[in-house]
Amino acid sequence: MRFSFLTLFPQLIAFYFEDSILKRALEKQVFSLEIFNMRDFSPHKFQRADFALVGGGAGQILDPYMVENALKHAQSPSAHVIFLTPSGKRFCQQDAKRLATHQHLVLVCGRYEGFDERLVESYAHEVLSVGDFVLTGGELAGLCLCDSVARLLEGTLGNARSLEQESFEDNTLEAPNFARTPLLNTPSCAHSGVISEYSKGNHGKIKSLMRDLSMDRTRFHAPNLYALNRSLHTFRHIKKGR
């Protein structure tokens, strides 16, 4: 897997890969990383990167010639180009799984008022957002997407079983977890115990309990996922009964 970031601020991307899991995965060549400073591809005097909006209005917009030049430089036959903007489709775990099957992801990080729409129409395979909020730039969104995809690649996590029973699997949120640690006299933990069934070794009961807790948490925090899970469960039950 190859990740290519297009940004005006390369240092905001580079630091994220200097520690922890993704650093080790990068050193093991589980994936490769390229960071392009789009300003280097500006055809304008003093490498100008932004211009006023057609029709007026507050703010500036990224120069389309600069972004296009950077895209042409980063392209490959297998490149899958993603523009990151609040006006895109909401990114989710299923997208991460799907994108993990690609060989090369090009992540274009917006700034200011975003992208010239002609660029999006000409080059974007997808336009994605990480949530219903606005950031000062697309770098954090690009890192979120890269992190969620990279951890799914074989060799990134020390234990591949860590990917099992995670949030969003089967459209549910993960059940509560507790650390197997000595009880210390701390204000938050000293007077509250772990769910007793977790410690009894009956894995069938533990699995059933965790499923129930997972459903309760999903119903409370993500009612849309809960409704989807129940609908799919009903559909499978009807289909099985035919």
Protein backbone atom coordinates (compact mmCIF):
# COMPACT_ATOMS: atom_id res chain seq x y z
CA MET A 1 0.00 0.00 0.00
CA ARG A 2 1.21 3.47 -0.89
CA PHE A 3 -0.13 6.68 0.64
CA SER A 4 0.50 10.03 -1.06
CA PHE A 5 -0.48 13.24 0.75
CA LEU A 6 -0.89 16.53 -1.10
CA THR A 7 -0.75 19.44 1.34
CA LEU A 8 0.49 22.99 1.85
CA PHE A 9 1.91 22.00 5.25
CA PRO A 10 3.98 18.78 5.00
CA GLN A 11 5.19 19.05 8.59
CA LEU A 12 1.62 18.54 9.82
CA ILE A 13 1.62 15.12 8.15
CA ALA A 14 5.19 13.93 8.75
CA PHE A 15 5.13 14.10 12.56
CA TYR A 16 2.30 11.55 12.83
CA PHE A 17 4.52 8.77 11.51
CA GLU A 18 7.44 9.42 13.89
CA ASP A 19 6.17 7.27 16.76
CA SER A 20 4.19 4.20 17.74
CA ILE A 21 2.37 1.69 15.54
CA LEU A 22 2.47 3.49 12.20
CA LYS A 23 6.16 4.26 12.56
CA ARG A 24 6.91 0.56 13.03
CA ALA A 25 4.65 -0.41 10.13
CA LEU A 26 6.39 2.13 7.91
CA GLU A 27 9.81 0.80 8.91
CA LYS A 28 8.61 -2.75 8.13
CA GLN A 29 7.40 -1.48 4.73
CA VAL A 30 3.83 -2.54 5.38
CA PHE A 31 3.04 0.67 3.50
CA SER A 32 5.00 3.51 1.94
CA LEU A 33 4.49 7.24 2.44
CA GLU A 34 4.92 10.26 0.18
CA ILE A 35 4.24 13.85 1.21
CA PHE A 36 4.06 16.48 -1.52
CA ASN A 37 4.10 20.19 -0.80
CA MET A 38 1.60 21.54 -3.31
CA ARG A 39 3.22 24.98 -3.19
CA ASP A 40 6.24 23.47 -4.96
CA PHE A 41 4.00 22.94 -7.99
CA SER A 42 2.64 26.47 -8.17
CA PRO A 43 3.22 28.09 -11.60
CA HIS A 44 2.80 31.58 -10.15
CA LYS A 45 5.26 34.18 -8.96
CA PHE A 46 6.49 33.56 -5.41
CA GLN A 47 4.72 30.17 -5.52
CA ARG A 48 1.37 31.71 -4.75
CA ALA A 49 -1.09 29.02 -3.62
CA ASP A 50 -4.50 30.69 -3.34
CA PHE A 51 -6.79 33.13 -5.13
CA ALA A 52 -10.07 34.92 -4.55
CA LEU A 53 -13.38 33.24 -5.31
CA VAL A 54 -15.20 33.86 -8.56
CA GLY A 55 -18.30 35.86 -7.69
CA GLY A 56 -16.76 37.29 -4.54
CA GLY A 57 -17.16 36.22 -0.95
CA ALA A 58 -14.91 35.80 2.04
CA GLY A 59 -11.82 33.64 1.97
CA GLN A 60 -9.51 32.27 -0.71
CA ILE A 61 -9.47 29.04 -2.69
CA LEU A 62 -6.56 26.77 -3.61
CA ASP A 63 -5.10 27.52 -7.02
CA PRO A 64 -6.38 24.77 -9.37
CA TYR A 65 -3.27 24.85 -11.59
CA MET A 66 -1.05 24.19 -8.58
CA VAL A 67 -3.20 21.31 -7.33
CA GLU A 68 -3.46 19.82 -10.82
CA ASN A 69 0.33 19.90 -11.27
CA ALA A 70 0.80 18.20 -7.90
CA LEU A 71 -1.78 15.55 -8.76
CA LYS A 72 -0.11 14.76 -12.06
CA HIS A 73 3.19 14.34 -10.23
CA ALA A 74 1.69 12.03 -7.58
CA GLN A 75 -0.39 9.94 -9.96
CA SER A 76 0.26 6.28 -10.74
CA PRO A 77 -1.68 3.71 -12.80
CA SER A 78 -3.24 2.37 -9.59
CA ALA A 79 -3.84 5.73 -7.89
CA HIS A 80 -7.19 6.24 -6.18
CA VAL A 81 -7.61 9.98 -5.62
CA ILE A 82 -9.55 11.22 -2.57
CA PHE A 83 -10.36 14.87 -1.93
CA LEU A 84 -10.94 15.62 1.76
CA THR A 85 -13.60 18.23 2.42
CA PRO A 86 -16.55 18.77 4.81
CA SER A 87 -18.89 18.70 1.79
CA GLY A 88 -17.95 15.09 0.98
CA LYS A 89 -19.53 11.75 1.88
CA ARG A 90 -19.13 10.76 5.54
CA PHE A 91 -16.17 8.36 5.89
CA CYS A 92 -16.89 5.17 7.86
CA GLN A 93 -15.28 1.85 8.83
CA GLN A 94 -16.69 0.10 5.77
CA ASP A 95 -14.93 2.68 3.62
CA ALA A 96 -11.66 1.94 5.46
CA LYS A 97 -12.01 -1.77 4.67
CA ARG A 98 -12.78 -1.04 1.04
CA LEU A 99 -9.91 1.42 0.63
CA ALA A 100 -7.47 -1.03 2.23
CA THR A 101 -7.77 -3.15 -0.91
CA HIS A 102 -6.29 -0.40 -3.10
CA GLN A 103 -2.60 -0.24 -3.98
CA HIS A 104 -2.23 3.55 -3.95
CA LEU A 105 -4.29 6.23 -2.18
CA VAL A 106 -3.73 9.90 -3.03
CA LEU A 107 -5.12 12.13 -0.26
CA VAL A 108 -5.64 15.76 -1.28
CA CYS A 109 -5.85 18.00 1.79
CA GLY A 110 -7.91 21.14 1.40
CA ARG A 111 -7.21 24.57 2.87
CA TYR A 112 -9.01 27.91 3.03
CA GLU A 113 -12.34 27.62 1.17
CA GLY A 114 -11.40 24.29 -0.38
CA PHE A 115 -11.11 23.19 -3.99
CA ASP A 116 -12.03 24.53 -7.38
CA GLU A 117 -14.95 22.29 -8.37
CA ARG A 118 -13.41 21.66 -11.80
CA LEU A 119 -10.55 19.82 -10.09
CA VAL A 120 -12.95 17.58 -8.20
CA GLU A 121 -14.87 16.74 -11.35
CA SER A 122 -11.69 15.94 -13.30
CA TYR A 123 -9.56 14.07 -10.79
CA ALA A 124 -11.50 12.82 -7.74
CA HIS A 125 -12.46 9.18 -7.47
CA GLU A 126 -14.06 10.00 -4.12
CA VAL A 127 -14.81 13.06 -2.00
CA LEU A 128 -14.84 12.23 1.71
CA SER A 129 -15.48 13.96 5.04
CA VAL A 130 -14.59 12.70 8.52
CA GLY A 131 -17.57 14.32 10.20
CA ASP A 132 -20.17 17.05 10.29
CA PHE A 133 -17.76 19.79 11.32
CA VAL A 134 -15.22 22.10 9.67
CA LEU A 135 -11.45 22.04 10.26
CA THR A 136 -8.84 24.64 9.31
CA GLY A 137 -7.43 22.14 6.82
CA GLY A 138 -7.72 18.62 5.48
CA GLU A 139 -4.52 17.30 7.03
CA LEU A 140 -6.19 15.92 10.15
CA ALA A 141 -8.91 14.35 8.03
CA GLY A 142 -6.29 12.76 5.77
CA LEU A 143 -4.42 11.37 8.77
CA CYS A 144 -7.65 9.93 10.20
CA LEU A 145 -8.34 8.16 6.94
CA CYS A 146 -4.76 6.94 6.55
CA ASP A 147 -4.62 5.64 10.13
CA SER A 148 -7.91 3.75 9.85
CA VAL A 149 -6.85 2.15 6.56
CA ALA A 150 -3.23 1.42 7.51
CA ARG A 151 -4.16 -0.45 10.71
CA LEU A 152 -6.17 -2.90 8.60
CA LEU A 153 -3.12 -3.87 6.54
CA GLU A 154 -1.49 -7.17 7.42
CA GLY A 155 1.54 -6.57 9.61
CA THR A 156 0.54 -3.18 11.04
CA LEU A 157 -0.89 -4.42 14.34
CA GLY A 158 1.13 -6.73 16.55
CA ASN A 159 -1.87 -9.02 17.01
CA ALA A 160 -4.28 -9.32 14.09
CA ARG A 161 -7.00 -10.49 16.52
CA SER A 162 -7.16 -6.87 17.71
CA LEU A 163 -9.28 -6.24 14.63
CA GLU A 164 -11.96 -8.63 15.88
CA GLN A 165 -15.03 -7.48 17.83
CA GLU A 166 -14.26 -3.81 17.24
CA SER A 167 -16.73 -0.98 17.06
CA PHE A 168 -18.72 -0.86 13.81
CA GLU A 169 -18.35 -4.59 13.19
CA ASP A 170 -21.87 -5.89 12.54
CA ASN A 171 -23.08 -2.27 12.92
CA THR A 172 -22.54 -2.15 16.68
CA LEU A 173 -20.24 -0.37 19.13
CA GLU A 174 -17.70 -2.33 21.14
CA ALA A 175 -18.72 -3.60 24.58
CA PRO A 176 -17.06 -2.18 27.73
CA ASN A 177 -13.54 -3.47 28.48
CA PHE A 178 -11.55 -3.60 31.72
CA ALA A 179 -7.83 -3.88 32.46
CA ARG A 180 -6.42 -6.95 34.18
CA THR A 181 -4.41 -4.89 36.67
CA PRO A 182 -3.78 -4.98 40.44
CA LEU A 183 -6.38 -3.02 42.41
CA LEU A 184 -4.84 0.25 43.57
CA ASN A 185 -6.21 2.86 45.91
CA THR A 186 -7.21 5.27 43.17
CA PRO A 187 -10.31 7.48 43.42
CA SER A 188 -11.86 6.23 40.19
CA CYS A 189 -11.31 2.47 40.49
CA ALA A 190 -10.87 1.57 44.15
CA HIS A 191 -14.57 1.35 44.94
CA SER A 192 -15.95 0.07 41.65
CA GLY A 193 -15.55 -3.49 40.50
CA VAL A 194 -15.35 -5.25 37.17
CA ILE A 195 -18.44 -7.01 35.83
CA SER A 196 -18.20 -10.31 37.72
CA GLU A 197 -19.19 -12.53 34.77
CA TYR A 198 -16.05 -11.38 32.92
CA SER A 199 -13.87 -13.12 35.52
CA LYS A 200 -15.61 -16.50 35.76
CA GLY A 201 -14.07 -18.09 32.66
CA ASN A 202 -17.34 -19.11 31.00
CA HIS A 203 -16.54 -17.82 27.53
CA GLY A 204 -20.02 -18.57 26.19
CA LYS A 205 -21.64 -16.41 28.87
CA ILE A 206 -18.99 -13.72 28.48
CA LYS A 207 -19.60 -13.55 24.74
CA SER A 208 -23.37 -13.35 25.24
CA LEU A 209 -23.03 -10.66 27.91
CA MET A 210 -20.64 -8.61 25.81
CA ARG A 211 -23.07 -8.83 22.91
CA ASP A 212 -25.91 -7.53 25.11
CA LEU A 213 -23.73 -4.70 26.45
CA SER A 214 -22.62 -3.86 22.95
CA MET A 215 -26.23 -3.57 21.80
CA ASP A 216 -27.13 -1.40 24.81
CA ARG A 217 -24.22 0.94 24.11
CA THR A 218 -25.09 1.12 20.41
CA ARG A 219 -28.74 1.87 21.13
CA PHE A 220 -27.73 4.72 23.46
CA HIS A 221 -24.80 6.30 21.55
CA ALA A 222 -25.57 5.38 17.93
CA PRO A 223 -29.30 4.75 17.44
CA ASN A 224 -28.89 4.85 13.66
CA LEU A 225 -26.45 1.91 13.80
CA TYR A 226 -28.72 0.07 16.21
CA ALA A 227 -31.68 0.45 13.87
CA LEU A 228 -29.58 -0.78 10.94
CA ASN A 229 -28.37 -3.79 12.94
CA ARG A 230 -31.92 -4.73 13.94
CA SER A 231 -33.17 -4.33 10.37
CA LEU A 232 -30.41 -6.53 8.96
CA HIS A 233 -30.97 -9.10 11.73
CA THR A 234 -34.68 -9.27 10.88
CA PHE A 235 -33.91 -9.56 7.16
CA ARG A 236 -31.46 -12.43 7.75
CA HIS A 237 -33.97 -14.20 9.99
CA ILE A 238 -36.72 -13.95 7.35
CA LYS A 239 -34.34 -15.05 4.59
CA LYS A 240 -33.15 -18.01 6.66
CA GLY A 241 -36.74 -19.09 7.31
CA ARG A 242 -37.61 -19.31 3.63
